[in-house]
Amino acid sequence: MSAPLVVSIPHHLGRDEARRRLQTGLSRAAVNVPILTVDEETWRGDQMLFRVRALGQVAAGQVDVAEDHVRLEVRLPWLLQKFAEAARVVIQKRGYLMLEKK
């Protein structure tokens, strides 16, 4: 098993506002990425567990919301690992817009 893809996105919102913005964010973000389908999204306090599907492959991970950053960790199957760097860039960009855009 390869190392997980980890993305940290800084913010200035505080934990509660960041969580509020993210609670509808994954499904909304998936609408803009035609190859991505959200299979599961479960919140437990400040942590979201998720499972997504892309190109017929399933990836699972978690998002942890902190006072000054959000940390996303996802384990990608071998086929999706080829797109890990591109995924990191998209996650950082969309995450930043979700957290910092007014």
N, C-alpha and C. Protein backbone atom coordinates (compact mmCIF):
# COMPACT_ATOMS: atom_id res chain seq x y z
N MET A 1 0.85 -1.18 0.00
CA MET A 1 0.00 0.00 0.00
C MET A 1 0.89 1.24 0.00
N SER A 2 0.58 2.19 -0.83
CA SER A 2 1.38 3.40 -0.91
C SER A 2 1.02 4.37 0.21
N ALA A 3 1.85 5.40 0.34
CA ALA A 3 1.59 6.43 1.34
C ALA A 3 0.33 7.19 0.94
N PRO A 4 -0.42 7.68 1.92
CA PRO A 4 -1.64 8.42 1.59
C PRO A 4 -1.31 9.79 0.99
N LEU A 5 -2.26 10.30 0.25
CA LEU A 5 -2.17 11.67 -0.25
C LEU A 5 -2.65 12.57 0.89
N VAL A 6 -1.82 13.50 1.32
CA VAL A 6 -2.16 14.40 2.42
C VAL A 6 -2.08 15.83 1.92
N VAL A 7 -3.14 16.59 2.17
CA VAL A 7 -3.20 17.99 1.78
C VAL A 7 -3.62 18.80 3.00
N SER A 8 -2.86 19.84 3.29
CA SER A 8 -3.20 20.74 4.39
C SER A 8 -3.52 22.11 3.79
N ILE A 9 -4.67 22.67 4.19
CA ILE A 9 -5.12 23.95 3.65
C ILE A 9 -5.30 24.92 4.82
N PRO A 10 -4.48 25.96 4.88
CA PRO A 10 -4.61 26.94 5.97
C PRO A 10 -5.86 27.81 5.78
N HIS A 11 -6.39 28.31 6.89
CA HIS A 11 -7.53 29.23 6.82
C HIS A 11 -7.50 30.12 8.06
N HIS A 12 -8.32 31.17 8.01
CA HIS A 12 -8.42 32.13 9.12
C HIS A 12 -9.84 32.22 9.64
N LEU A 13 -10.60 31.14 9.50
CA LEU A 13 -12.03 31.17 9.83
C LEU A 13 -12.36 30.73 11.24
N GLY A 14 -11.49 29.98 11.85
CA GLY A 14 -11.86 29.30 13.09
C GLY A 14 -12.49 27.96 12.73
N ARG A 15 -12.46 27.05 13.68
CA ARG A 15 -12.92 25.68 13.46
C ARG A 15 -14.39 25.59 13.06
N ASP A 16 -15.26 26.31 13.77
CA ASP A 16 -16.70 26.19 13.52
C ASP A 16 -17.11 26.67 12.13
N GLU A 17 -16.60 27.82 11.71
CA GLU A 17 -16.95 28.36 10.39
C GLU A 17 -16.36 27.50 9.28
N ALA A 18 -15.13 27.02 9.46
CA ALA A 18 -14.52 26.14 8.46
C ALA A 18 -15.34 24.87 8.30
N ARG A 19 -15.75 24.27 9.41
CA ARG A 19 -16.56 23.05 9.35
C ARG A 19 -17.89 23.33 8.66
N ARG A 20 -18.52 24.45 8.98
CA ARG A 20 -19.80 24.80 8.36
C ARG A 20 -19.66 24.90 6.84
N ARG A 21 -18.60 25.53 6.38
CA ARG A 21 -18.39 25.68 4.93
C ARG A 21 -18.10 24.35 4.26
N LEU A 22 -17.43 23.47 4.95
CA LEU A 22 -17.06 22.18 4.37
C LEU A 22 -18.19 21.16 4.39
N GLN A 23 -19.17 21.34 5.26
CA GLN A 23 -20.20 20.32 5.41
C GLN A 23 -20.99 20.07 4.14
N THR A 24 -21.09 21.03 3.26
CA THR A 24 -21.73 20.78 1.97
C THR A 24 -20.71 20.81 0.83
N GLY A 25 -19.46 20.98 1.19
CA GLY A 25 -18.43 21.20 0.19
C GLY A 25 -18.06 20.02 -0.68
N LEU A 26 -17.96 18.82 -0.13
CA LEU A 26 -17.51 17.68 -0.92
C LEU A 26 -18.49 17.35 -2.03
N SER A 27 -19.75 17.28 -1.70
CA SER A 27 -20.76 16.98 -2.72
C SER A 27 -20.83 18.10 -3.76
N ARG A 28 -20.72 19.33 -3.31
CA ARG A 28 -20.76 20.47 -4.23
C ARG A 28 -19.53 20.46 -5.13
N ALA A 29 -18.37 20.14 -4.59
CA ALA A 29 -17.14 20.08 -5.38
C ALA A 29 -17.22 18.96 -6.41
N ALA A 30 -17.82 17.84 -6.05
CA ALA A 30 -17.92 16.70 -6.96
C ALA A 30 -18.76 17.04 -8.19
N VAL A 31 -19.70 17.95 -8.06
CA VAL A 31 -20.52 18.35 -9.20
C VAL A 31 -19.64 18.95 -10.29
N ASN A 32 -18.57 19.65 -9.91
CA ASN A 32 -17.69 20.30 -10.86
C ASN A 32 -16.60 19.39 -11.41
N VAL A 33 -16.51 18.17 -10.91
CA VAL A 33 -15.52 17.20 -11.38
C VAL A 33 -16.30 15.99 -11.90
N PRO A 34 -16.52 15.93 -13.20
CA PRO A 34 -17.42 14.91 -13.76
C PRO A 34 -17.01 13.47 -13.49
N ILE A 35 -15.74 13.20 -13.25
CA ILE A 35 -15.32 11.81 -13.02
C ILE A 35 -15.42 11.40 -11.56
N LEU A 36 -15.83 12.32 -10.68
CA LEU A 36 -15.86 12.06 -9.24
C LEU A 36 -17.29 11.89 -8.75
N THR A 37 -17.52 10.81 -8.00
CA THR A 37 -18.81 10.55 -7.37
C THR A 37 -18.58 10.36 -5.88
N VAL A 38 -19.38 11.01 -5.05
CA VAL A 38 -19.29 10.85 -3.61
C VAL A 38 -20.19 9.68 -3.21
N ASP A 39 -19.59 8.61 -2.68
CA ASP A 39 -20.36 7.45 -2.21
C ASP A 39 -20.80 7.61 -0.76
N GLU A 40 -19.98 8.25 0.05
CA GLU A 40 -20.28 8.38 1.48
C GLU A 40 -19.60 9.61 2.04
N GLU A 41 -20.30 10.29 2.94
CA GLU A 41 -19.77 11.47 3.63
C GLU A 41 -20.40 11.48 5.02
N THR A 42 -19.60 11.23 6.05
CA THR A 42 -20.10 11.14 7.41
C THR A 42 -19.30 12.07 8.32
N TRP A 43 -20.00 12.95 9.01
CA TRP A 43 -19.34 13.87 9.94
C TRP A 43 -19.42 13.33 11.36
N ARG A 44 -18.30 13.40 12.06
CA ARG A 44 -18.20 13.08 13.50
C ARG A 44 -17.48 14.24 14.15
N GLY A 45 -18.24 15.19 14.64
CA GLY A 45 -17.62 16.38 15.23
C GLY A 45 -16.88 17.16 14.16
N ASP A 46 -15.57 17.32 14.35
CA ASP A 46 -14.75 18.09 13.42
C ASP A 46 -14.03 17.21 12.40
N GLN A 47 -14.50 16.00 12.24
CA GLN A 47 -13.88 15.08 11.28
C GLN A 47 -14.93 14.53 10.32
N MET A 48 -14.60 14.55 9.03
CA MET A 48 -15.47 13.96 8.03
C MET A 48 -14.77 12.73 7.45
N LEU A 49 -15.47 11.62 7.45
CA LEU A 49 -14.99 10.41 6.80
C LEU A 49 -15.70 10.34 5.46
N PHE A 50 -14.98 9.99 4.41
CA PHE A 50 -15.60 9.96 3.09
C PHE A 50 -15.10 8.80 2.25
N ARG A 51 -15.91 8.48 1.25
CA ARG A 51 -15.53 7.50 0.24
C ARG A 51 -16.01 8.06 -1.09
N VAL A 52 -15.08 8.12 -2.05
CA VAL A 52 -15.41 8.64 -3.37
C VAL A 52 -15.02 7.62 -4.43
N ARG A 53 -15.56 7.81 -5.62
CA ARG A 53 -15.28 6.92 -6.73
C ARG A 53 -14.88 7.78 -7.94
N ALA A 54 -13.79 7.38 -8.59
CA ALA A 54 -13.34 8.05 -9.81
C ALA A 54 -12.74 7.02 -10.74
N LEU A 55 -13.11 7.07 -11.99
CA LEU A 55 -12.61 6.13 -12.99
C LEU A 55 -12.84 4.68 -12.57
N GLY A 56 -13.95 4.43 -11.87
CA GLY A 56 -14.27 3.08 -11.43
C GLY A 56 -13.48 2.62 -10.21
N GLN A 57 -12.67 3.49 -9.65
CA GLN A 57 -11.85 3.15 -8.48
C GLN A 57 -12.41 3.84 -7.24
N VAL A 58 -12.30 3.18 -6.10
CA VAL A 58 -12.81 3.74 -4.84
C VAL A 58 -11.63 4.22 -4.00
N ALA A 59 -11.78 5.42 -3.44
CA ALA A 59 -10.78 5.98 -2.53
C ALA A 59 -11.51 6.43 -1.27
N ALA A 60 -10.89 6.20 -0.13
CA ALA A 60 -11.49 6.59 1.15
C ALA A 60 -10.49 7.44 1.93
N GLY A 61 -11.04 8.31 2.76
CA GLY A 61 -10.16 9.16 3.55
C GLY A 61 -10.92 9.93 4.60
N GLN A 62 -10.26 10.95 5.09
CA GLN A 62 -10.86 11.78 6.13
C GLN A 62 -10.39 13.22 6.00
N VAL A 63 -11.22 14.11 6.50
CA VAL A 63 -10.91 15.52 6.58
C VAL A 63 -10.99 15.90 8.05
N ASP A 64 -9.92 16.50 8.57
CA ASP A 64 -9.90 16.97 9.96
C ASP A 64 -9.86 18.49 9.95
N VAL A 65 -10.81 19.11 10.64
CA VAL A 65 -10.92 20.56 10.69
C VAL A 65 -10.29 21.05 11.99
N ALA A 66 -9.29 21.91 11.86
CA ALA A 66 -8.62 22.52 13.01
C ALA A 66 -8.92 24.01 13.02
N GLU A 67 -8.49 24.69 14.05
CA GLU A 67 -8.75 26.11 14.21
C GLU A 67 -8.17 26.94 13.07
N ASP A 68 -7.01 26.53 12.52
CA ASP A 68 -6.33 27.34 11.51
C ASP A 68 -5.98 26.60 10.22
N HIS A 69 -6.41 25.35 10.11
CA HIS A 69 -6.16 24.60 8.87
C HIS A 69 -7.11 23.41 8.76
N VAL A 70 -7.19 22.89 7.56
CA VAL A 70 -7.95 21.67 7.29
C VAL A 70 -6.95 20.68 6.72
N ARG A 71 -7.02 19.45 7.21
CA ARG A 71 -6.10 18.41 6.74
C ARG A 71 -6.92 17.29 6.11
N LEU A 72 -6.63 17.01 4.84
CA LEU A 72 -7.30 15.94 4.12
C LEU A 72 -6.29 14.82 3.90
N GLU A 73 -6.70 13.61 4.20
CA GLU A 73 -5.86 12.43 3.96
C GLU A 73 -6.72 11.40 3.23
N VAL A 74 -6.18 10.89 2.13
CA VAL A 74 -6.92 9.91 1.34
C VAL A 74 -5.96 8.84 0.82
N ARG A 75 -6.40 7.61 0.89
CA ARG A 75 -5.64 6.48 0.32
C ARG A 75 -6.18 6.21 -1.07
N LEU A 76 -5.29 6.29 -2.04
CA LEU A 76 -5.69 6.10 -3.42
C LEU A 76 -5.33 4.71 -3.91
N PRO A 77 -6.23 4.06 -4.65
CA PRO A 77 -5.86 2.79 -5.27
C PRO A 77 -4.80 3.04 -6.35
N TRP A 78 -4.14 1.99 -6.76
CA TRP A 78 -2.98 2.14 -7.66
C TRP A 78 -3.29 2.94 -8.92
N LEU A 79 -4.46 2.77 -9.53
CA LEU A 79 -4.77 3.50 -10.75
C LEU A 79 -4.85 5.01 -10.49
N LEU A 80 -5.45 5.39 -9.39
CA LEU A 80 -5.60 6.81 -9.08
C LEU A 80 -4.31 7.44 -8.56
N GLN A 81 -3.37 6.63 -8.09
CA GLN A 81 -2.09 7.16 -7.63
C GLN A 81 -1.36 7.90 -8.74
N LYS A 82 -1.60 7.51 -9.96
CA LYS A 82 -0.97 8.17 -11.11
C LYS A 82 -1.43 9.63 -11.22
N PHE A 83 -2.57 9.94 -10.63
CA PHE A 83 -3.13 11.29 -10.69
C PHE A 83 -2.98 12.04 -9.37
N ALA A 84 -2.18 11.52 -8.45
CA ALA A 84 -2.09 12.08 -7.10
C ALA A 84 -1.65 13.54 -7.09
N GLU A 85 -0.63 13.89 -7.88
CA GLU A 85 -0.15 15.27 -7.86
C GLU A 85 -1.19 16.22 -8.45
N ALA A 86 -1.84 15.81 -9.52
CA ALA A 86 -2.91 16.64 -10.09
C ALA A 86 -4.05 16.79 -9.10
N ALA A 87 -4.38 15.71 -8.39
CA ALA A 87 -5.45 15.76 -7.38
C ALA A 87 -5.07 16.71 -6.25
N ARG A 88 -3.80 16.67 -5.83
CA ARG A 88 -3.34 17.56 -4.75
C ARG A 88 -3.56 19.03 -5.13
N VAL A 89 -3.20 19.38 -6.37
CA VAL A 89 -3.35 20.76 -6.83
C VAL A 89 -4.82 21.17 -6.84
N VAL A 90 -5.68 20.31 -7.37
CA VAL A 90 -7.12 20.62 -7.43
C VAL A 90 -7.71 20.74 -6.03
N ILE A 91 -7.35 19.82 -5.14
CA ILE A 91 -7.87 19.85 -3.76
C ILE A 91 -7.44 21.13 -3.07
N GLN A 92 -6.19 21.51 -3.20
CA GLN A 92 -5.71 22.74 -2.56
C GLN A 92 -6.43 23.97 -3.11
N LYS A 93 -6.58 24.03 -4.42
CA LYS A 93 -7.22 25.20 -5.04
C LYS A 93 -8.69 25.30 -4.63
N ARG A 94 -9.43 24.21 -4.78
CA ARG A 94 -10.86 24.23 -4.44
C ARG A 94 -11.08 24.39 -2.92
N GLY A 95 -10.22 23.78 -2.14
CA GLY A 95 -10.32 23.92 -0.69
C GLY A 95 -10.08 25.36 -0.26
N TYR A 96 -9.08 25.99 -0.84
CA TYR A 96 -8.79 27.39 -0.53
C TYR A 96 -9.99 28.28 -0.90
N LEU A 97 -10.53 28.06 -2.10
CA LEU A 97 -11.70 28.87 -2.51
C LEU A 97 -12.88 28.66 -1.57
N MET A 98 -13.10 27.42 -1.15
CA MET A 98 -14.22 27.11 -0.27
C MET A 98 -14.05 27.76 1.10
N LEU A 99 -12.81 27.79 1.57
CA LEU A 99 -12.55 28.30 2.91
C LEU A 99 -12.32 29.81 2.96
N GLU A 100 -11.76 30.38 1.91
CA GLU A 100 -11.41 31.80 1.97
C GLU A 100 -12.31 32.71 1.17
N LYS A 101 -13.05 32.16 0.21
CA LYS A 101 -13.94 32.99 -0.59
C LYS A 101 -15.12 33.42 0.26
N LYS A 102 -15.44 34.68 0.23
CA LYS A 102 -16.52 35.21 1.05
C LYS A 102 -17.87 34.93 0.43
